[in-house]
N, C-alpha and C. Protein backbone atom coordinates (compact mmCIF):
# COMPACT_ATOMS: atom_id res chain seq x y z
N MET A 1 -20.72 -9.31 -58.25
CA MET A 1 -19.47 -9.10 -58.95
C MET A 1 -18.34 -9.77 -58.17
N PRO A 2 -17.46 -10.52 -58.85
CA PRO A 2 -16.41 -11.24 -58.12
C PRO A 2 -15.35 -10.28 -57.59
N ASN A 3 -14.75 -10.67 -56.52
CA ASN A 3 -13.65 -9.91 -55.92
C ASN A 3 -12.34 -10.45 -56.50
N TYR A 4 -11.78 -9.76 -57.48
CA TYR A 4 -10.58 -10.25 -58.16
C TYR A 4 -9.37 -10.27 -57.24
N ASN A 5 -9.28 -9.35 -56.31
CA ASN A 5 -8.17 -9.37 -55.36
C ASN A 5 -8.19 -10.63 -54.52
N GLN A 6 -9.37 -11.05 -54.10
CA GLN A 6 -9.49 -12.27 -53.30
C GLN A 6 -9.12 -13.49 -54.14
N SER A 7 -9.54 -13.52 -55.40
CA SER A 7 -9.25 -14.69 -56.24
C SER A 7 -7.75 -14.80 -56.52
N GLN A 8 -7.05 -13.67 -56.59
CA GLN A 8 -5.61 -13.73 -56.79
C GLN A 8 -4.90 -14.22 -55.54
N ASN A 9 -5.39 -13.84 -54.39
CA ASN A 9 -4.77 -14.25 -53.15
C ASN A 9 -5.13 -15.68 -52.76
N ASP A 10 -6.22 -16.16 -53.22
CA ASP A 10 -6.72 -17.47 -52.80
C ASP A 10 -7.22 -18.26 -54.01
N PRO A 11 -6.35 -18.61 -54.97
CA PRO A 11 -6.82 -19.22 -56.21
C PRO A 11 -7.40 -20.60 -56.03
N ALA A 12 -6.90 -21.38 -55.10
CA ALA A 12 -7.39 -22.74 -54.95
C ALA A 12 -8.13 -22.93 -53.63
N GLY A 13 -8.38 -21.84 -52.94
CA GLY A 13 -9.08 -21.95 -51.68
C GLY A 13 -8.19 -22.46 -50.55
N ILE A 14 -6.88 -22.37 -50.72
CA ILE A 14 -5.98 -22.89 -49.69
C ILE A 14 -5.23 -21.78 -48.97
N GLY A 15 -5.57 -20.56 -49.21
CA GLY A 15 -4.90 -19.45 -48.55
C GLY A 15 -4.14 -18.62 -49.55
N PRO A 16 -3.52 -17.57 -49.09
CA PRO A 16 -2.82 -16.67 -50.00
C PRO A 16 -1.60 -17.36 -50.63
N THR A 17 -1.34 -16.99 -51.87
CA THR A 17 -0.16 -17.54 -52.55
C THR A 17 1.08 -16.88 -51.97
N PRO A 18 2.17 -17.63 -51.87
CA PRO A 18 3.39 -17.02 -51.32
C PRO A 18 3.94 -15.97 -52.27
N THR A 19 4.53 -14.96 -51.71
CA THR A 19 5.14 -13.93 -52.54
C THR A 19 6.54 -14.37 -52.93
N TYR A 20 7.14 -13.63 -53.85
CA TYR A 20 8.51 -13.93 -54.29
C TYR A 20 9.48 -13.89 -53.12
N VAL A 21 9.31 -12.93 -52.23
CA VAL A 21 10.19 -12.81 -51.07
C VAL A 21 10.04 -14.03 -50.18
N ASP A 22 8.80 -14.50 -49.99
CA ASP A 22 8.59 -15.69 -49.17
C ASP A 22 9.29 -16.89 -49.79
N GLN A 23 9.21 -17.03 -51.11
CA GLN A 23 9.84 -18.16 -51.80
C GLN A 23 11.36 -18.04 -51.72
N ALA A 24 11.88 -16.82 -51.87
CA ALA A 24 13.33 -16.63 -51.85
C ALA A 24 13.89 -16.93 -50.47
N MET A 25 13.10 -16.77 -49.45
CA MET A 25 13.59 -16.98 -48.10
C MET A 25 13.38 -18.41 -47.60
N SER A 26 12.74 -19.26 -48.38
CA SER A 26 12.49 -20.62 -47.88
C SER A 26 13.79 -21.41 -47.86
N PRO A 27 13.92 -22.34 -46.92
CA PRO A 27 15.14 -23.14 -46.84
C PRO A 27 15.39 -23.96 -48.11
N ASP A 28 14.34 -24.48 -48.72
CA ASP A 28 14.52 -25.27 -49.94
C ASP A 28 15.08 -24.42 -51.07
N THR A 29 14.56 -23.22 -51.24
CA THR A 29 15.03 -22.34 -52.30
C THR A 29 16.45 -21.89 -52.03
N THR A 30 16.73 -21.57 -50.78
CA THR A 30 18.09 -21.16 -50.42
C THR A 30 19.08 -22.28 -50.71
N GLN A 31 18.72 -23.51 -50.35
CA GLN A 31 19.60 -24.66 -50.61
C GLN A 31 19.76 -24.89 -52.10
N PHE A 32 18.66 -24.75 -52.86
CA PHE A 32 18.72 -24.93 -54.31
C PHE A 32 19.72 -23.96 -54.92
N TYR A 33 19.62 -22.68 -54.56
CA TYR A 33 20.53 -21.68 -55.13
C TYR A 33 21.97 -21.89 -54.64
N ALA A 34 22.13 -22.34 -53.41
CA ALA A 34 23.48 -22.65 -52.91
C ALA A 34 24.07 -23.82 -53.71
N ASP A 35 23.25 -24.82 -53.99
CA ASP A 35 23.71 -25.96 -54.80
C ASP A 35 24.06 -25.52 -56.21
N GLN A 36 23.24 -24.64 -56.79
CA GLN A 36 23.50 -24.14 -58.13
C GLN A 36 24.80 -23.35 -58.17
N GLN A 37 25.04 -22.54 -57.15
CA GLN A 37 26.27 -21.75 -57.11
C GLN A 37 27.48 -22.66 -56.94
N ALA A 38 27.36 -23.69 -56.11
CA ALA A 38 28.46 -24.62 -55.91
C ALA A 38 28.77 -25.36 -57.21
N ALA A 39 27.73 -25.75 -57.94
CA ALA A 39 27.94 -26.43 -59.23
C ALA A 39 28.60 -25.49 -60.23
N ALA A 40 28.20 -24.23 -60.25
CA ALA A 40 28.80 -23.27 -61.17
C ALA A 40 30.26 -23.02 -60.80
N ASP A 41 30.55 -22.93 -59.51
CA ASP A 41 31.93 -22.75 -59.07
C ASP A 41 32.80 -23.94 -59.45
N ALA A 42 32.26 -25.14 -59.26
CA ALA A 42 33.01 -26.36 -59.62
C ALA A 42 33.25 -26.42 -61.12
N ALA A 43 32.27 -26.04 -61.91
CA ALA A 43 32.42 -26.05 -63.37
C ALA A 43 33.48 -25.04 -63.80
N ALA A 44 33.49 -23.87 -63.17
CA ALA A 44 34.48 -22.86 -63.51
C ALA A 44 35.88 -23.33 -63.14
N LEU A 45 36.02 -23.96 -61.99
CA LEU A 45 37.32 -24.48 -61.56
C LEU A 45 37.81 -25.57 -62.51
N LEU A 46 36.91 -26.45 -62.91
CA LEU A 46 37.26 -27.51 -63.85
C LEU A 46 37.70 -26.92 -65.19
N ALA A 47 36.99 -25.93 -65.66
CA ALA A 47 37.35 -25.29 -66.93
C ALA A 47 38.72 -24.64 -66.83
N GLN A 48 39.01 -24.02 -65.69
CA GLN A 48 40.33 -23.41 -65.46
C GLN A 48 41.42 -24.47 -65.48
N GLN A 49 41.19 -25.58 -64.82
CA GLN A 49 42.17 -26.66 -64.76
C GLN A 49 42.41 -27.25 -66.14
N GLU A 50 41.34 -27.44 -66.91
CA GLU A 50 41.48 -27.97 -68.25
C GLU A 50 42.25 -27.01 -69.15
N ALA A 51 41.98 -25.72 -69.02
CA ALA A 51 42.69 -24.72 -69.82
C ALA A 51 44.18 -24.70 -69.46
N ALA A 52 44.49 -24.82 -68.18
CA ALA A 52 45.88 -24.84 -67.75
C ALA A 52 46.59 -26.08 -68.27
N ALA A 53 45.91 -27.23 -68.23
CA ALA A 53 46.50 -28.46 -68.74
C ALA A 53 46.75 -28.36 -70.24
N GLN A 54 45.80 -27.77 -70.98
CA GLN A 54 45.97 -27.61 -72.42
C GLN A 54 47.11 -26.65 -72.73
N ALA A 55 47.23 -25.58 -71.97
CA ALA A 55 48.32 -24.63 -72.17
C ALA A 55 49.67 -25.30 -71.92
N GLU A 56 49.72 -26.15 -70.92
CA GLU A 56 50.96 -26.88 -70.63
C GLU A 56 51.32 -27.83 -71.78
N LYS A 57 50.32 -28.52 -72.30
CA LYS A 57 50.56 -29.41 -73.45
C LYS A 57 51.06 -28.62 -74.66
N ASP A 58 50.42 -27.48 -74.91
CA ASP A 58 50.82 -26.64 -76.05
C ASP A 58 52.25 -26.15 -75.89
N ALA A 59 52.61 -25.78 -74.67
CA ALA A 59 53.97 -25.30 -74.41
C ALA A 59 54.99 -26.41 -74.65
N LYS A 60 54.66 -27.64 -74.25
CA LYS A 60 55.56 -28.77 -74.49
C LYS A 60 55.73 -29.04 -75.98
N ILE A 61 54.64 -28.95 -76.72
CA ILE A 61 54.72 -29.16 -78.17
C ILE A 61 55.59 -28.09 -78.81
N ARG A 62 55.40 -26.84 -78.42
CA ARG A 62 56.23 -25.76 -78.98
C ARG A 62 57.71 -25.97 -78.63
N GLN A 63 57.97 -26.41 -77.41
CA GLN A 63 59.36 -26.65 -77.01
C GLN A 63 59.96 -27.80 -77.81
N GLN A 64 59.19 -28.85 -78.06
CA GLN A 64 59.67 -29.96 -78.88
C GLN A 64 59.97 -29.49 -80.30
N GLN A 65 59.10 -28.65 -80.84
CA GLN A 65 59.33 -28.12 -82.19
C GLN A 65 60.61 -27.28 -82.23
N MET A 66 60.82 -26.46 -81.23
CA MET A 66 62.04 -25.65 -81.17
C MET A 66 63.27 -26.53 -81.01
N ASP A 67 63.17 -27.57 -80.22
CA ASP A 67 64.29 -28.50 -80.05
C ASP A 67 64.64 -29.17 -81.38
N GLU A 68 63.62 -29.56 -82.14
CA GLU A 68 63.86 -30.17 -83.45
C GLU A 68 64.54 -29.18 -84.40
N ILE A 69 64.09 -27.96 -84.40
CA ILE A 69 64.70 -26.93 -85.26
C ILE A 69 66.15 -26.69 -84.85
N ASN A 70 66.39 -26.63 -83.55
CA ASN A 70 67.76 -26.42 -83.06
C ASN A 70 68.66 -27.60 -83.42
N GLN A 71 68.13 -28.81 -83.45
CA GLN A 71 68.92 -29.97 -83.85
C GLN A 71 69.24 -29.92 -85.34
N MET A 72 68.26 -29.46 -86.14
CA MET A 72 68.46 -29.38 -87.59
C MET A 72 69.45 -28.26 -87.93
N PHE A 73 69.46 -27.21 -87.18
CA PHE A 73 70.31 -26.05 -87.44
C PHE A 73 71.09 -25.70 -86.17
N PRO A 74 72.12 -26.51 -85.82
CA PRO A 74 72.82 -26.27 -84.56
C PRO A 74 73.52 -24.91 -84.50
N GLN A 75 73.89 -24.36 -85.65
CA GLN A 75 74.55 -23.04 -85.67
C GLN A 75 73.54 -21.91 -85.82
N GLY A 76 72.26 -22.24 -85.81
CA GLY A 76 71.23 -21.23 -86.02
C GLY A 76 70.90 -21.15 -87.51
N PHE A 77 69.91 -20.41 -87.84
CA PHE A 77 69.48 -20.29 -89.22
C PHE A 77 69.85 -18.91 -89.72
N ASN A 78 70.52 -18.85 -90.86
CA ASN A 78 71.01 -17.59 -91.41
C ASN A 78 70.09 -17.15 -92.55
N PHE A 79 69.46 -16.01 -92.38
CA PHE A 79 68.58 -15.48 -93.42
C PHE A 79 69.32 -14.62 -94.43
N ARG A 80 70.57 -14.31 -94.23
CA ARG A 80 71.28 -13.38 -95.09
C ARG A 80 71.34 -13.84 -96.55
N GLY A 81 71.49 -15.12 -96.76
CA GLY A 81 71.56 -15.61 -98.14
C GLY A 81 70.22 -15.57 -98.85
N MET A 82 69.14 -15.43 -98.12
CA MET A 82 67.81 -15.45 -98.73
C MET A 82 67.35 -14.06 -99.12
N LEU A 83 67.94 -13.04 -98.57
CA LEU A 83 67.46 -11.68 -98.85
C LEU A 83 68.09 -11.09 -100.06
């Protein structure tokens, strides 16, 4: 009868398979996750910068629109005649 515990530990005859903890602690895996975190941080920073730039553009457009309205109605707009 085969020893299933042995076959799980030594599937290719090269020794026991590394455990998740062993893989998590390897320098390559640590570097991979550090690189992934750095990429995620850079992407978040870029998204923040793009959102701030878009908000600034939107604010300028709104200010231009208000300036145009103020030029068209230098005394302000009176709603009394419309009600």
